[in-house]
N, C-alpha and C. Protein backbone atom coordinates (compact mmCIF):
# COMPACT_ATOMS: atom_id res chain seq x y z
N MET A 1 30.76 -7.34 31.89
CA MET A 1 30.53 -8.71 32.24
C MET A 1 30.66 -8.91 33.75
N LEU A 2 31.66 -8.30 34.35
CA LEU A 2 31.84 -8.44 35.79
C LEU A 2 30.66 -7.85 36.56
N THR A 3 30.09 -6.78 36.03
CA THR A 3 28.91 -6.19 36.66
C THR A 3 27.76 -7.20 36.72
N GLU A 4 27.58 -7.94 35.64
CA GLU A 4 26.53 -8.96 35.61
C GLU A 4 26.82 -10.07 36.62
N ILE A 5 28.08 -10.47 36.72
CA ILE A 5 28.46 -11.51 37.67
C ILE A 5 28.19 -11.05 39.09
N VAL A 6 28.61 -9.82 39.40
CA VAL A 6 28.38 -9.27 40.74
C VAL A 6 26.89 -9.21 41.05
N ALA A 7 26.09 -8.76 40.07
CA ALA A 7 24.65 -8.65 40.29
C ALA A 7 24.01 -10.01 40.55
N ILE A 8 24.42 -11.02 39.79
CA ILE A 8 23.85 -12.36 39.96
C ILE A 8 24.25 -12.96 41.30
N ILE A 9 25.53 -12.85 41.63
CA ILE A 9 26.01 -13.41 42.90
C ILE A 9 25.36 -12.70 44.08
N SER A 10 25.26 -11.37 44.00
CA SER A 10 24.67 -10.64 45.12
C SER A 10 23.19 -10.98 45.28
N LYS A 11 22.50 -11.16 44.17
CA LYS A 11 21.08 -11.52 44.23
C LYS A 11 20.89 -12.90 44.87
N HIS A 12 21.72 -13.85 44.47
CA HIS A 12 21.60 -15.20 45.00
C HIS A 12 22.03 -15.30 46.46
N SER A 13 22.89 -14.36 46.89
CA SER A 13 23.32 -14.39 48.29
C SER A 13 22.42 -13.53 49.17
N GLY A 14 21.44 -12.85 48.56
CA GLY A 14 20.51 -12.02 49.32
C GLY A 14 21.06 -10.66 49.69
N LYS A 15 22.12 -10.22 49.03
CA LYS A 15 22.74 -8.93 49.33
C LYS A 15 22.60 -7.95 48.17
N ASN A 16 21.48 -7.91 47.52
CA ASN A 16 21.29 -7.09 46.32
C ASN A 16 21.97 -5.73 46.42
N PHE A 17 23.16 -5.61 45.82
CA PHE A 17 23.88 -4.34 45.83
C PHE A 17 23.13 -3.30 45.03
N GLU A 18 23.09 -2.10 45.56
CA GLU A 18 22.40 -1.01 44.88
C GLU A 18 23.07 -0.67 43.56
N ASN A 19 24.40 -0.76 43.52
CA ASN A 19 25.13 -0.41 42.31
C ASN A 19 26.20 -1.48 42.02
N PRO A 20 25.83 -2.57 41.36
CA PRO A 20 26.79 -3.63 41.08
C PRO A 20 27.93 -3.17 40.17
N GLY A 21 27.71 -2.16 39.35
CA GLY A 21 28.77 -1.62 38.51
C GLY A 21 29.90 -1.03 39.33
N TRP A 22 29.54 -0.38 40.42
CA TRP A 22 30.55 0.21 41.31
C TRP A 22 31.34 -0.89 42.01
N VAL A 23 30.66 -1.93 42.46
CA VAL A 23 31.34 -3.05 43.10
C VAL A 23 32.29 -3.72 42.10
N ALA A 24 31.84 -3.89 40.87
CA ALA A 24 32.69 -4.48 39.83
C ALA A 24 33.92 -3.60 39.57
N ALA A 25 33.74 -2.30 39.56
CA ALA A 25 34.87 -1.38 39.35
C ALA A 25 35.88 -1.49 40.48
N ILE A 26 35.40 -1.63 41.70
CA ILE A 26 36.29 -1.79 42.86
C ILE A 26 37.09 -3.08 42.72
N LEU A 27 36.43 -4.16 42.34
CA LEU A 27 37.13 -5.43 42.17
C LEU A 27 38.18 -5.36 41.06
N LEU A 28 37.84 -4.70 39.96
CA LEU A 28 38.81 -4.55 38.87
C LEU A 28 40.00 -3.69 39.30
N ALA A 29 39.75 -2.65 40.06
CA ALA A 29 40.84 -1.80 40.56
C ALA A 29 41.74 -2.59 41.50
N LEU A 30 41.14 -3.40 42.34
CA LEU A 30 41.90 -4.24 43.27
C LEU A 30 42.78 -5.22 42.49
N GLU A 31 42.21 -5.85 41.49
CA GLU A 31 42.98 -6.79 40.67
C GLU A 31 44.10 -6.08 39.91
N ASP A 32 43.79 -4.94 39.31
CA ASP A 32 44.81 -4.18 38.59
C ASP A 32 45.97 -3.80 39.51
N GLY A 33 45.64 -3.40 40.72
CA GLY A 33 46.67 -3.01 41.67
C GLY A 33 47.59 -4.16 42.02
N PHE A 34 47.01 -5.33 42.27
CA PHE A 34 47.85 -6.49 42.59
C PHE A 34 48.67 -6.93 41.38
N ARG A 35 48.11 -6.84 40.19
CA ARG A 35 48.88 -7.19 38.98
C ARG A 35 50.05 -6.23 38.80
N LEU A 36 49.81 -4.96 39.01
CA LEU A 36 50.87 -3.97 38.89
C LEU A 36 51.97 -4.22 39.91
N HIS A 37 51.59 -4.47 41.15
CA HIS A 37 52.58 -4.75 42.18
C HIS A 37 53.36 -6.03 41.86
N ARG A 38 52.69 -7.00 41.28
CA ARG A 38 53.36 -8.25 40.89
C ARG A 38 54.41 -7.98 39.81
N LEU A 39 54.11 -7.07 38.88
CA LEU A 39 55.08 -6.70 37.85
C LEU A 39 56.26 -5.94 38.45
N ILE A 40 55.97 -5.05 39.37
CA ILE A 40 57.01 -4.22 39.98
C ILE A 40 57.90 -5.04 40.91
N ASP A 41 57.29 -5.84 41.75
CA ASP A 41 58.05 -6.59 42.76
C ASP A 41 57.48 -7.99 42.93
N PRO A 42 57.78 -8.88 42.00
CA PRO A 42 57.20 -10.23 42.06
C PRO A 42 57.64 -11.05 43.26
N GLU A 43 58.77 -10.71 43.84
CA GLU A 43 59.26 -11.48 44.99
C GLU A 43 58.42 -11.27 46.25
N THR A 44 57.81 -10.11 46.38
CA THR A 44 57.04 -9.83 47.59
C THR A 44 55.53 -9.82 47.34
N THR A 45 55.11 -10.06 46.11
CA THR A 45 53.69 -10.06 45.78
C THR A 45 53.31 -11.44 45.25
N PRO A 46 52.66 -12.26 46.08
CA PRO A 46 52.28 -13.60 45.63
C PRO A 46 51.34 -13.55 44.43
N ALA A 47 51.41 -14.57 43.60
CA ALA A 47 50.57 -14.64 42.41
C ALA A 47 49.08 -14.66 42.76
N ASP A 48 48.74 -15.15 43.93
CA ASP A 48 47.33 -15.24 44.33
C ASP A 48 46.89 -14.09 45.24
N SER A 49 47.58 -12.98 45.19
CA SER A 49 47.26 -11.84 46.07
C SER A 49 45.83 -11.36 45.93
N PHE A 50 45.34 -11.27 44.69
CA PHE A 50 43.98 -10.79 44.49
C PHE A 50 42.97 -11.74 45.14
N LEU A 51 43.14 -13.04 44.92
CA LEU A 51 42.20 -14.00 45.50
C LEU A 51 42.25 -13.99 47.03
N ARG A 52 43.45 -13.84 47.58
CA ARG A 52 43.57 -13.74 49.03
C ARG A 52 42.82 -12.52 49.55
N ALA A 53 43.03 -11.39 48.90
CA ALA A 53 42.37 -10.15 49.33
C ALA A 53 40.86 -10.26 49.17
N PHE A 54 40.42 -10.85 48.07
CA PHE A 54 39.00 -11.01 47.81
C PHE A 54 38.35 -11.88 48.89
N ASN A 55 38.98 -13.00 49.21
CA ASN A 55 38.46 -13.88 50.26
C ASN A 55 38.47 -13.19 51.63
N ASP A 56 39.52 -12.42 51.92
CA ASP A 56 39.57 -11.68 53.18
C ASP A 56 38.45 -10.65 53.26
N LEU A 57 38.17 -9.97 52.15
CA LEU A 57 37.06 -9.00 52.13
C LEU A 57 35.73 -9.69 52.37
N GLN A 58 35.54 -10.83 51.74
CA GLN A 58 34.29 -11.57 51.94
C GLN A 58 34.12 -11.98 53.39
N GLN A 59 35.18 -12.46 54.00
CA GLN A 59 35.09 -12.84 55.41
C GLN A 59 34.81 -11.63 56.28
N ALA A 60 35.40 -10.50 55.94
CA ALA A 60 35.21 -9.28 56.74
C ALA A 60 33.76 -8.79 56.70
N ILE A 61 33.08 -9.00 55.54
CA ILE A 61 31.70 -8.54 55.44
C ILE A 61 30.71 -9.66 55.75
N GLY A 62 31.23 -10.83 56.09
CA GLY A 62 30.35 -11.93 56.50
C GLY A 62 29.77 -12.72 55.35
N ASP A 63 30.38 -12.67 54.19
CA ASP A 63 29.90 -13.42 53.04
C ASP A 63 30.58 -14.79 53.03
N THR A 64 29.89 -15.83 52.60
CA THR A 64 30.46 -17.16 52.65
C THR A 64 30.78 -17.71 51.26
N PHE A 65 30.62 -16.93 50.22
CA PHE A 65 30.91 -17.38 48.85
C PHE A 65 32.42 -17.44 48.68
N ASP A 66 32.98 -18.65 48.49
CA ASP A 66 34.43 -18.84 48.44
C ASP A 66 34.91 -18.88 46.99
N VAL A 67 35.94 -18.10 46.69
CA VAL A 67 36.55 -18.08 45.36
C VAL A 67 37.95 -18.66 45.47
N LYS A 68 38.25 -19.61 44.57
CA LYS A 68 39.58 -20.23 44.56
C LYS A 68 40.18 -20.16 43.18
C-alpha cells in the first residue's frame, strides 16, 4: 500500500521515482527505527520523530509536500 502512495505522490509532484517500492521500504525502515528507539528510550525519542525526519528529508531534497 505504501508503494502505491509513494508512486501517486511522486507522480503528482513530478518526481516519478524509478522504484517506488524501494522508497517505500526506506520509509518503513525509518519508521521502524524510530518506533524501536521510542520503545528503548522514550525520554529521548519524541513521539513525532518519524514525521520530523520525514519533513527534514523532504526539505533536504527540495520537496514541498508537507506531512503532519
